[in-house]
Each structure stands twice: as C-alpha cells, then as structure tokens.
C-alpha cells in the first residue's frame, strides 16, 4: 500500500494521533474505493466480454452457415464433375476397347497370313529336302551296290586264288 505523506504544518496543527487516524481513514476509504472501482470495472468487463462473445457466436454461426452452404455447393459441383468425368472415361474406355479389338483382329489376320506363308515355305523346303534325301539315298544305294559287287569280285578272286593254291599244294603233296 502507498504511504501517505502528511505535510508538517498539518501534522502540527492536527496532532500526531489525529494525523494517524486521518491516514487510517484515508487508507480504508482508498481500499474501499479501489474495491468499488474494481467491481465496476469487472462488471463492465464481463458485460463487454458477454457482448463480444455473443457477437462472436453470431459471427461464428453465420460463418459456419456460409461454410456449410459453400461445402454443399462444392459437394454438388464435385459430384457433377465426377459424373461427367466418369461418363468421359467410360466413353474413352469404350473407344479404346473398340480400337484394341480392331487392332487385335488386324494383327490376328496378319499373323495367320504369316503362319500360312511360313507353313508353305516349310512344306516346300521339306519337299525339296525329301527330294534331295531320296537322291542321296539312291546315290548311296548305288555306291553300296558298287562296293558290294567289288567286294564279291575280290572275294571271288581271293577264293579262286586260295583254291588254286590248295590244288597246287595237293598236287605237290600227292605224287
């Protein structure tokens, strides 16, 4: 608490006891006055706070209402955009499916043609190879027959030679 200075002249005129009593009365009245002022300020602050809170609540309710309205509009707009996007995507998928089916049909046709061409080439090559194999086999048969005839001829010469040697030995040994 603040100290109250009483001027010297007043102190002498009133006396020490009266000055102390006056200071005490002033202090008591000061505290009471301070308490009253605080009470008034508190009440005024509470009223002001209540008013401001009421205004804030109204503003918040209005803001919430606006936000809800904007969200509803946005939700509706998004649903519409999604429906349009779904429709476009479905159409694109249908077109893509059609193109892919057409490409697959064309590819299948080309592959069948290539398969037929390859099959014809393979058949032709197999026929040519079979013809060459037959020629080679015929050539081998001819070679084998020639060698067989040569072998028989040489066998005949060998056996005739052996018989001649045996006859010669027998003639020499039989006097």
C-alpha atoms as a PDB file:
ATOM      1  CA  UNK A   1       0.000   0.000   0.000  1.00  0.00           C
ATOM      2  CA  UNK A   2       1.172   3.542  -0.733  1.00  0.00           C
ATOM      3  CA  UNK A   3       2.346   5.662   2.136  1.00  0.00           C
ATOM      4  CA  UNK A   4       0.554   8.936   2.595  1.00  0.00           C
ATOM      5  CA  UNK A   5       2.813  11.864   3.490  1.00  0.00           C
ATOM      6  CA  UNK A   6       1.133  14.417   5.634  1.00  0.00           C
ATOM      7  CA  UNK A   7       2.749  17.851   5.469  1.00  0.00           C
ATOM      8  CA  UNK A   8       4.500  19.057   8.622  1.00  0.00           C
ATOM      9  CA  UNK A   9       2.192  22.037   9.104  1.00  0.00           C
ATOM     10  CA  UNK A  10      -0.885  19.807   9.053  1.00  0.00           C
ATOM     11  CA  UNK A  11       0.790  17.381  11.420  1.00  0.00           C
ATOM     12  CA  UNK A  12       1.492  20.098  13.935  1.00  0.00           C
ATOM     13  CA  UNK A  13      -1.995  21.540  13.604  1.00  0.00           C
ATOM     14  CA  UNK A  14      -3.865  18.225  13.980  1.00  0.00           C
ATOM     15  CA  UNK A  15      -1.527  16.375  16.203  1.00  0.00           C
ATOM     16  CA  UNK A  16       0.175  13.066  15.798  1.00  0.00           C
ATOM     17  CA  UNK A  17      -2.810  10.927  16.806  1.00  0.00           C
ATOM     18  CA  UNK A  18      -5.191  12.777  14.530  1.00  0.00           C
ATOM     19  CA  UNK A  19      -2.792  12.503  11.592  1.00  0.00           C
ATOM     20  CA  UNK A  20      -2.524   8.753  12.087  1.00  0.00           C
ATOM     21  CA  UNK A  21      -6.296   8.464  12.350  1.00  0.00           C
ATOM     22  CA  UNK A  22      -6.687  10.572   9.201  1.00  0.00           C
ATOM     23  CA  UNK A  23      -4.165   8.388   7.340  1.00  0.00           C
ATOM     24  CA  UNK A  24      -6.012   5.273   8.504  1.00  0.00           C
ATOM     25  CA  UNK A  25      -9.375   6.692   7.356  1.00  0.00           C
ATOM     26  CA  UNK A  26      -7.913   7.700   4.021  1.00  0.00           C
ATOM     27  CA  UNK A  27      -6.312   4.246   3.594  1.00  0.00           C
ATOM     28  CA  UNK A  28      -9.566   2.495   4.469  1.00  0.00           C
ATOM     29  CA  UNK A  29     -11.554   4.741   2.136  1.00  0.00           C
ATOM     30  CA  UNK A  30      -8.888   4.237  -0.566  1.00  0.00           C
ATOM     31  CA  UNK A  31      -9.166   0.462  -0.265  1.00  0.00           C
ATOM     32  CA  UNK A  32     -12.960   0.612  -0.339  1.00  0.00           C
ATOM     33  CA  UNK A  33     -12.880   2.982  -3.305  1.00  0.00           C
ATOM     34  CA  UNK A  34     -10.388   0.738  -5.063  1.00  0.00           C
ATOM     35  CA  UNK A  35     -12.613  -2.316  -4.419  1.00  0.00           C
ATOM     36  CA  UNK A  36     -15.663  -0.465  -5.775  1.00  0.00           C
ATOM     37  CA  UNK A  37     -13.753   0.626  -8.862  1.00  0.00           C
ATOM     38  CA  UNK A  38     -12.503  -2.952  -9.408  1.00  0.00           C
ATOM     39  CA  UNK A  39     -16.048  -4.272  -9.016  1.00  0.00           C
ATOM     40  CA  UNK A  40     -17.365  -1.728 -11.532  1.00  0.00           C
ATOM     41  CA  UNK A  41     -14.532  -2.476 -13.949  1.00  0.00           C
ATOM     42  CA  UNK A  42     -15.129  -6.230 -13.572  1.00  0.00           C
ATOM     43  CA  UNK A  43     -18.856  -5.829 -14.205  1.00  0.00           C
ATOM     44  CA  UNK A  44     -18.202  -3.609 -17.206  1.00  0.00           C
ATOM     45  CA  UNK A  45     -15.584  -6.082 -18.493  1.00  0.00           C
ATOM     46  CA  UNK A  46     -17.983  -9.012 -18.010  1.00  0.00           C
ATOM     47  CA  UNK A  47     -20.754  -7.147 -19.872  1.00  0.00           C
ATOM     48  CA  UNK A  48     -18.363  -6.233 -22.643  1.00  0.00           C
ATOM     49  CA  UNK A  49     -16.994  -9.783 -22.757  1.00  0.00           C
ATOM     50  CA  UNK A  50     -20.529 -11.211 -22.865  1.00  0.00           C
ATOM     51  CA  UNK A  51     -21.470  -8.813 -25.674  1.00  0.00           C
ATOM     52  CA  UNK A  52     -18.319  -9.644 -27.633  1.00  0.00           C
ATOM     53  CA  UNK A  53     -18.816 -13.379 -27.084  1.00  0.00           C
ATOM     54  CA  UNK A  54     -22.409 -13.023 -28.278  1.00  0.00           C
ATOM     55  CA  UNK A  55     -21.215 -11.199 -31.380  1.00  0.00           C
ATOM     56  CA  UNK A  56     -18.523 -13.846 -31.911  1.00  0.00           C
ATOM     57  CA  UNK A  57     -21.096 -16.612 -31.555  1.00  0.00           C
ATOM     58  CA  UNK A  58     -23.357 -14.910 -34.096  1.00  0.00           C
ATOM     59  CA  UNK A  59     -20.409 -14.396 -36.465  1.00  0.00           C
ATOM     60  CA  UNK A  60     -19.281 -17.996 -35.959  1.00  0.00           C
ATOM     61  CA  UNK A  61     -22.807 -19.274 -36.614  1.00  0.00           C
ATOM     62  CA  UNK A  62     -23.006 -17.144 -39.757  1.00  0.00           C
ATOM     63  CA  UNK A  63     -19.546 -18.297 -40.826  1.00  0.00           C
ATOM     64  CA  UNK A  64     -20.475 -21.913 -40.154  1.00  0.00           C
ATOM     65  CA  UNK A  65     -23.684 -21.482 -42.136  1.00  0.00           C
ATOM     66  CA  UNK A  66     -21.742 -19.953 -45.039  1.00  0.00           C
ATOM     67  CA  UNK A  67     -19.156 -22.727 -44.863  1.00  0.00           C
ATOM     68  CA  UNK A  68     -21.858 -25.388 -44.838  1.00  0.00           C
ATOM     69  CA  UNK A  69     -23.537 -23.731 -47.811  1.00  0.00           C
ATOM     70  CA  UNK A  70     -20.226 -23.481 -49.694  1.00  0.00           C
ATOM     71  CA  UNK A  71     -19.420 -27.098 -48.821  1.00  0.00           C
ATOM     72  CA  UNK A  72     -22.844 -28.202 -50.082  1.00  0.00           C
ATOM     73  CA  UNK A  73     -22.298 -26.278 -53.324  1.00  0.00           C
ATOM     74  CA  UNK A  74     -18.788 -27.669 -53.646  1.00  0.00           C
ATOM     75  CA  UNK A  75     -20.067 -31.182 -52.913  1.00  0.00           C
ATOM     76  CA  UNK A  76     -22.745 -30.803 -55.572  1.00  0.00           C
ATOM     77  CA  UNK A  77     -20.221 -29.411 -58.059  1.00  0.00           C
ATOM     78  CA  UNK A  78     -17.765 -32.208 -57.332  1.00  0.00           C
ATOM     79  CA  UNK A  79     -20.458 -34.845 -57.775  1.00  0.00           C
ATOM     80  CA  UNK A  80     -21.408 -33.304 -61.114  1.00  0.00           C
ATOM     81  CA  UNK A  81     -17.765 -33.158 -62.227  1.00  0.00           C
ATOM     82  CA  UNK A  82     -17.242 -36.763 -61.119  1.00  0.00           C
ATOM     83  CA  UNK A  83     -20.313 -37.868 -63.087  1.00  0.00           C
ATOM     84  CA  UNK A  84     -19.032 -36.047 -66.185  1.00  0.00           C
ATOM     85  CA  UNK A  85     -15.562 -37.495 -65.708  1.00  0.00           C
ATOM     86  CA  UNK A  86     -16.999 -40.980 -65.265  1.00  0.00           C
ATOM     87  CA  UNK A  87     -19.014 -40.548 -68.457  1.00  0.00           C
ATOM     88  CA  UNK A  88     -15.945 -39.332 -70.391  1.00  0.00           C
ATOM     89  CA  UNK A  89     -13.790 -42.136 -69.032  1.00  0.00           C
ATOM     90  CA  UNK A  90     -16.433 -44.720 -69.881  1.00  0.00           C
ATOM     91  CA  UNK A  91     -16.661 -43.329 -73.418  1.00  0.00           C
ATOM     92  CA  UNK A  92     -12.859 -43.302 -73.783  1.00  0.00           C
ATOM     93  CA  UNK A  93     -12.664 -46.876 -72.483  1.00  0.00           C
ATOM     94  CA  UNK A  94     -15.324 -47.974 -74.982  1.00  0.00           C
ATOM     95  CA  UNK A  95     -13.450 -46.268 -77.834  1.00  0.00           C
ATOM     96  CA  UNK A  96     -10.152 -47.745 -76.683  1.00  0.00           C
ATOM     97  CA  UNK A  97     -11.697 -51.201 -76.418  1.00  0.00           C
ATOM     98  CA  UNK A  98     -13.046 -50.854 -79.961  1.00  0.00           C
ATOM     99  CA  UNK A  99      -9.642 -49.745 -81.297  1.00  0.00           C
ATOM    100  CA  UNK A 100      -7.872 -52.545 -79.450  1.00  0.00           C
ATOM    101  CA  UNK A 101     -10.300 -55.135 -80.768  1.00  0.00           C
ATOM    102  CA  UNK A 102      -9.793 -53.814 -84.314  1.00  0.00           C
ATOM    103  CA  UNK A 103      -6.002 -53.868 -83.904  1.00  0.00           C
ATOM    104  CA  UNK A 104      -6.188 -57.389 -82.471  1.00  0.00           C
ATOM    105  CA  UNK A 105      -8.288 -58.535 -85.442  1.00  0.00           C
ATOM    106  CA  UNK A 106      -5.823 -56.966 -87.887  1.00  0.00           C
ATOM    107  CA  UNK A 107      -2.886 -58.479 -86.022  1.00  0.00           C
ATOM    108  CA  UNK A 108      -4.574 -61.887 -85.980  1.00  0.00           C
ATOM    109  CA  UNK A 109      -5.139 -61.653 -89.749  1.00  0.00           C
ATOM    110  CA  UNK A 110      -1.500 -60.693 -90.368  1.00  0.00           C
ATOM    111  CA  UNK A 111      -0.290 -63.476 -88.087  1.00  0.00           C
ATOM    112  CA  UNK A 112      -2.484 -66.025 -89.847  1.00  0.00           C
ATOM    113  CA  UNK A 113      -1.075 -64.890 -93.208  1.00  0.00           C
ATOM    114  CA  UNK A 114       2.480 -65.125 -91.898  1.00  0.00           C
ATOM    115  CA  UNK A 115       1.756 -68.546 -90.411  1.00  0.00           C
ATOM    116  CA  UNK A 116       0.311 -69.726 -93.755  1.00  0.00           C
ATOM    117  CA  UNK A 117       3.328 -68.322 -95.632  1.00  0.00           C
ATOM    118  CA  UNK A 118       5.737 -69.901 -93.177  1.00  0.00           C
ATOM    119  CA  UNK A 119       3.856 -73.197 -93.376  1.00  0.00           C
ATOM    120  CA  UNK A 120       4.029 -73.133 -97.203  1.00  0.00           C
ATOM    121  CA  UNK A 121       7.753 -72.312 -97.115  1.00  0.00           C
ATOM    122  CA  UNK A 122       8.360 -75.114 -94.629  1.00  0.00           C
ATOM    123  CA  UNK A 123       6.372 -77.576 -96.728  1.00  0.00           C
ATOM    124  CA  UNK A 124       8.307 -76.531 -99.844  1.00  0.00           C
ATOM    125  CA  UNK A 125      11.627 -76.830 -98.003  1.00  0.00           C
ATOM    126  CA  UNK A 126      10.573 -80.226 -96.614  1.00  0.00           C
ATOM    127  CA  UNK A 127       9.637 -81.396-100.142  1.00  0.00           C
ATOM    128  CA  UNK A 128      12.972 -80.178-101.506  1.00  0.00           C
ATOM    129  CA  UNK A 129      14.802 -81.803 -98.612  1.00  0.00           C
ATOM    130  CA  UNK A 130      12.892 -85.052 -99.140  1.00  0.00           C
ATOM    131  CA  UNK A 131      13.820 -84.978-102.840  1.00  0.00           C
ATOM    132  CA  UNK A 132      17.498 -84.376-102.003  1.00  0.00           C
ATOM    133  CA  UNK A 133      17.369 -87.141 -99.385  1.00  0.00           C
ATOM    134  CA  UNK A 134      15.880 -89.533-101.930  1.00  0.00           C
ATOM    135  CA  UNK A 135      18.626 -88.613-104.395  1.00  0.00           C
ATOM    136  CA  UNK A 136      21.275 -89.080-101.707  1.00  0.00           C
ATOM    137  CA  UNK A 137      19.739 -92.402-100.665  1.00  0.00           C
ATOM    138  CA  UNK A 138      19.645 -93.548-104.304  1.00  0.00           C
ATOM    139  CA  UNK A 139      23.254 -92.429-104.709  1.00  0.00           C
ATOM    140  CA  UNK A 140      24.211 -94.268-101.508  1.00  0.00           C
ATOM    141  CA  UNK A 141      22.396 -97.390-102.679  1.00  0.00           C
ATOM    142  CA  UNK A 142      24.300 -97.226-105.966  1.00  0.00           C
ATOM    143  CA  UNK A 143      27.596 -96.772-104.107  1.00  0.00           C
ATOM    144  CA  UNK A 144      26.752 -99.649-101.773  1.00  0.00           C
ATOM    145  CA  UNK A 145      25.801-101.879-104.707  1.00  0.00           C
ATOM    146  CA  UNK A 146      29.019-100.990-106.495  1.00  0.00           C
ATOM    147  CA  UNK A 147      31.078-101.690-103.384  1.00  0.00           C
ATOM    148  CA  UNK A 148      29.178-104.904-102.787  1.00  0.00           C
ATOM    149  CA  UNK A 149      29.871-106.012-106.361  1.00  0.00           C
ATOM    150  CA  UNK A 150      33.519-105.020-105.975  1.00  0.00           C
ATOM    151  CA  UNK A 151      33.724-106.878-102.663  1.00  0.00           C
ATOM    152  CA  UNK A 152      32.168-110.007-104.222  1.00  0.00           C
ATOM    153  CA  UNK A 153      34.531-109.764-107.181  1.00  0.00           C
ATOM    154  CA  UNK A 154      37.533-109.538-104.871  1.00  0.00           C
ATOM    155  CA  UNK A 155      36.159-112.321-102.703  1.00  0.00           C
ATOM    156  CA  UNK A 156      35.814-114.470-105.804  1.00  0.00           C
ATOM    157  CA  UNK A 157      39.364-113.624-106.849  1.00  0.00           C
ATOM    158  CA  UNK A 158      40.567-114.412-103.292  1.00  0.00           C
ATOM    159  CA  UNK A 159      38.727-117.773-103.152  1.00  0.00           C
ATOM    160  CA  UNK A 160      39.812-118.725-106.621  1.00  0.00           C
ATOM    161  CA  UNK A 161      43.372-117.872-105.621  1.00  0.00           C
ATOM    162  CA  UNK A 162      43.010-119.914-102.423  1.00  0.00           C
ATOM    163  CA  UNK A 163      41.587-122.878-104.281  1.00  0.00           C
ATOM    164  CA  UNK A 164      44.392-122.661-106.851  1.00  0.00           C
ATOM    165  CA  UNK A 165      46.973-122.621-104.052  1.00  0.00           C
ATOM    166  CA  UNK A 166      45.289-125.564-102.323  1.00  0.00           C
ATOM    167  CA  UNK A 167      45.064-127.533-105.568  1.00  0.00           C
ATOM    168  CA  UNK A 168      48.721-126.770-106.248  1.00  0.00           C
ATOM    169  CA  UNK A 169      49.691-127.915-102.756  1.00  0.00           C
ATOM    170  CA  UNK A 170      47.612-131.029-103.062  1.00  0.00           C
ATOM    171  CA  UNK A 171      49.149-131.881-106.387  1.00  0.00           C
ATOM    172  CA  UNK A 172      52.566-131.450-104.977  1.00  0.00           C
ATOM    173  CA  UNK A 173      51.861-133.453-101.921  1.00  0.00           C
ATOM    174  CA  UNK A 174      50.148-136.333-103.722  1.00  0.00           C
ATOM    175  CA  UNK A 175      52.651-137.811-106.121  1.00  0.00           C
END
